[in-house]
N, C-alpha and C. Protein backbone atom coordinates (compact mmCIF):
# COMPACT_ATOMS: atom_id res chain seq x y z
N MET A 1 0.86 -1.17 0.00
CA MET A 1 0.00 0.00 0.00
C MET A 1 0.91 1.24 0.00
N LEU A 2 0.67 2.15 -0.92
CA LEU A 2 1.41 3.41 -0.98
C LEU A 2 0.49 4.54 -0.58
N GLU A 3 1.06 5.55 0.06
CA GLU A 3 0.29 6.74 0.45
C GLU A 3 0.94 7.97 -0.15
N HIS A 4 0.10 8.91 -0.58
CA HIS A 4 0.57 10.18 -1.14
C HIS A 4 -0.18 11.31 -0.45
N ALA A 5 0.54 12.39 -0.15
CA ALA A 5 -0.08 13.60 0.39
C ALA A 5 0.69 14.79 -0.16
N SER A 6 -0.05 15.77 -0.69
CA SER A 6 0.58 16.98 -1.21
C SER A 6 -0.46 18.09 -1.28
N GLU A 7 0.01 19.26 -1.67
CA GLU A 7 -0.88 20.39 -1.93
C GLU A 7 -0.69 20.79 -3.38
N GLN A 8 -1.79 20.84 -4.12
CA GLN A 8 -1.77 21.13 -5.55
C GLN A 8 -2.60 22.37 -5.84
N SER A 9 -2.25 23.05 -6.91
CA SER A 9 -3.02 24.21 -7.35
C SER A 9 -4.03 23.76 -8.41
N GLU A 10 -5.29 24.12 -8.19
CA GLU A 10 -6.34 23.78 -9.13
C GLU A 10 -7.23 25.00 -9.33
N VAL A 11 -7.26 25.51 -10.53
CA VAL A 11 -8.03 26.69 -10.88
C VAL A 11 -7.71 27.85 -9.93
N GLY A 12 -6.43 28.02 -9.65
CA GLY A 12 -5.99 29.13 -8.81
C GLY A 12 -6.20 28.92 -7.33
N GLN A 13 -6.70 27.79 -6.92
CA GLN A 13 -6.94 27.49 -5.51
C GLN A 13 -6.02 26.35 -5.07
N ASN A 14 -5.51 26.44 -3.85
CA ASN A 14 -4.71 25.34 -3.31
C ASN A 14 -5.64 24.24 -2.81
N ARG A 15 -5.25 23.01 -3.08
CA ARG A 15 -6.07 21.87 -2.69
C ARG A 15 -5.17 20.81 -2.08
N LYS A 16 -5.56 20.31 -0.91
CA LYS A 16 -4.83 19.22 -0.27
C LYS A 16 -5.27 17.92 -0.91
N VAL A 17 -4.28 17.11 -1.29
CA VAL A 17 -4.55 15.84 -1.96
C VAL A 17 -3.97 14.71 -1.12
N GLN A 18 -4.77 13.69 -0.86
CA GLN A 18 -4.32 12.50 -0.15
C GLN A 18 -4.83 11.28 -0.90
N LEU A 19 -4.00 10.25 -0.97
CA LEU A 19 -4.35 9.06 -1.72
C LEU A 19 -3.66 7.85 -1.12
N LYS A 20 -4.38 6.75 -1.04
CA LYS A 20 -3.80 5.45 -0.72
C LYS A 20 -4.10 4.55 -1.91
N ILE A 21 -3.08 3.83 -2.38
CA ILE A 21 -3.26 2.97 -3.53
C ILE A 21 -2.52 1.65 -3.31
N ARG A 22 -3.15 0.58 -3.76
CA ARG A 22 -2.49 -0.72 -3.68
C ARG A 22 -1.36 -0.73 -4.70
N ALA A 23 -0.26 -1.39 -4.34
CA ALA A 23 0.89 -1.45 -5.23
C ALA A 23 1.44 -2.87 -5.26
N LEU A 24 2.07 -3.21 -6.38
CA LEU A 24 2.61 -4.55 -6.58
C LEU A 24 4.01 -4.42 -7.16
N ALA A 25 4.95 -5.12 -6.56
CA ALA A 25 6.32 -5.17 -7.08
C ALA A 25 6.71 -6.64 -7.18
N LEU A 26 7.39 -7.00 -8.26
CA LEU A 26 7.79 -8.39 -8.49
C LEU A 26 9.30 -8.49 -8.65
N GLY A 27 9.82 -9.68 -8.42
CA GLY A 27 11.23 -9.96 -8.69
C GLY A 27 12.19 -9.09 -7.90
N SER A 28 13.21 -8.58 -8.59
CA SER A 28 14.25 -7.79 -7.93
C SER A 28 13.70 -6.49 -7.35
N GLN A 29 12.66 -5.93 -7.97
CA GLN A 29 12.05 -4.70 -7.42
C GLN A 29 11.42 -5.00 -6.06
N ALA A 30 10.76 -6.14 -5.94
CA ALA A 30 10.16 -6.52 -4.66
C ALA A 30 11.23 -6.75 -3.60
N GLU A 31 12.32 -7.39 -3.99
CA GLU A 31 13.41 -7.63 -3.04
C GLU A 31 14.02 -6.33 -2.54
N ARG A 32 14.20 -5.35 -3.44
CA ARG A 32 14.73 -4.04 -3.02
C ARG A 32 13.74 -3.31 -2.14
N LEU A 33 12.47 -3.37 -2.52
CA LEU A 33 11.44 -2.61 -1.81
C LEU A 33 11.24 -3.10 -0.38
N ILE A 34 11.29 -4.39 -0.18
CA ILE A 34 11.03 -4.94 1.15
C ILE A 34 12.12 -4.54 2.15
N GLN A 35 13.28 -4.12 1.67
CA GLN A 35 14.37 -3.70 2.54
C GLN A 35 14.25 -2.24 2.98
N GLN A 36 13.30 -1.49 2.42
CA GLN A 36 13.16 -0.08 2.74
C GLN A 36 12.29 0.11 3.98
N PRO A 37 12.62 1.09 4.81
CA PRO A 37 11.83 1.32 6.03
C PRO A 37 10.43 1.84 5.71
N VAL A 38 9.46 1.36 6.46
CA VAL A 38 8.08 1.84 6.33
C VAL A 38 8.06 3.32 6.64
N GLY A 39 7.35 4.10 5.83
CA GLY A 39 7.24 5.54 6.05
C GLY A 39 8.30 6.35 5.34
N SER A 40 9.26 5.70 4.68
CA SER A 40 10.27 6.45 3.95
C SER A 40 9.66 7.01 2.65
N VAL A 41 10.31 8.02 2.08
CA VAL A 41 9.75 8.75 0.94
C VAL A 41 10.46 8.32 -0.34
N TRP A 42 9.66 7.94 -1.35
CA TRP A 42 10.18 7.41 -2.60
C TRP A 42 9.39 7.95 -3.78
N GLN A 43 9.98 7.87 -4.97
CA GLN A 43 9.28 8.15 -6.22
C GLN A 43 9.16 6.82 -6.95
N PHE A 44 7.96 6.52 -7.44
CA PHE A 44 7.70 5.25 -8.11
C PHE A 44 7.32 5.49 -9.56
N GLN A 45 7.73 4.57 -10.42
CA GLN A 45 7.32 4.56 -11.81
C GLN A 45 6.76 3.19 -12.11
N GLY A 46 5.73 3.15 -12.94
CA GLY A 46 5.12 1.89 -13.31
C GLY A 46 3.87 2.15 -14.12
N PHE A 47 2.91 1.26 -13.97
CA PHE A 47 1.65 1.43 -14.69
C PHE A 47 0.49 1.04 -13.79
N LEU A 48 -0.68 1.58 -14.13
CA LEU A 48 -1.91 1.29 -13.39
C LEU A 48 -2.69 0.21 -14.12
N ALA A 49 -3.26 -0.70 -13.37
CA ALA A 49 -4.10 -1.75 -13.95
C ALA A 49 -5.14 -2.17 -12.92
N THR A 50 -6.21 -2.77 -13.40
CA THR A 50 -7.20 -3.35 -12.50
C THR A 50 -7.01 -4.85 -12.50
N PRO A 51 -7.08 -5.48 -11.33
CA PRO A 51 -6.98 -6.94 -11.28
C PRO A 51 -8.12 -7.58 -12.07
N ARG A 52 -7.94 -8.79 -12.48
CA ARG A 52 -8.94 -9.47 -13.32
C ARG A 52 -10.32 -9.48 -12.69
N GLN A 53 -10.39 -9.70 -11.39
CA GLN A 53 -11.69 -9.75 -10.74
C GLN A 53 -11.85 -8.63 -9.72
N GLY A 54 -11.06 -7.58 -9.87
CA GLY A 54 -11.10 -6.50 -8.90
C GLY A 54 -11.75 -5.24 -9.44
N LYS A 55 -12.07 -4.35 -8.55
CA LYS A 55 -12.67 -3.08 -8.92
C LYS A 55 -11.73 -1.91 -8.65
N SER A 56 -10.66 -2.16 -7.92
CA SER A 56 -9.74 -1.09 -7.57
C SER A 56 -8.53 -1.09 -8.50
N VAL A 57 -7.82 0.00 -8.51
CA VAL A 57 -6.63 0.15 -9.34
C VAL A 57 -5.40 -0.27 -8.53
N VAL A 58 -4.44 -0.89 -9.21
CA VAL A 58 -3.19 -1.31 -8.58
C VAL A 58 -2.04 -0.69 -9.37
N LEU A 59 -1.07 -0.09 -8.66
CA LEU A 59 0.13 0.42 -9.29
C LEU A 59 1.15 -0.72 -9.36
N HIS A 60 1.53 -1.09 -10.57
CA HIS A 60 2.57 -2.10 -10.78
C HIS A 60 3.91 -1.38 -10.84
N ILE A 61 4.72 -1.54 -9.81
CA ILE A 61 5.98 -0.81 -9.68
C ILE A 61 7.03 -1.44 -10.60
N GLN A 62 7.60 -0.61 -11.46
CA GLN A 62 8.67 -1.07 -12.34
C GLN A 62 10.02 -0.47 -11.98
N GLU A 63 9.99 0.67 -11.30
CA GLU A 63 11.22 1.36 -10.91
C GLU A 63 10.88 2.25 -9.71
N PHE A 64 11.85 2.44 -8.83
CA PHE A 64 11.67 3.40 -7.74
C PHE A 64 13.02 3.92 -7.27
N GLN A 65 12.97 5.13 -6.74
CA GLN A 65 14.18 5.76 -6.21
C GLN A 65 13.80 6.65 -5.05
N GLN A 66 14.75 6.87 -4.17
CA GLN A 66 14.49 7.70 -3.01
C GLN A 66 14.28 9.14 -3.43
N ASP A 67 13.29 9.77 -2.83
CA ASP A 67 12.92 11.16 -3.16
C ASP A 67 13.81 12.13 -2.41
């Protein structure tokens, strides 16, 4: 599970944005990710997909680096 929080400008107004999203990492990416401390800040790259029988979106992590 990944969490995001920021403040964005929308139509000239500041807006607080918060999001929790399920994430999936496989292979060497999963091995690297599991070694990182919970709550640390990272940038992730990948793609969004819905599971075959799911209704929610999952971020498939292909790359990540410390922010």
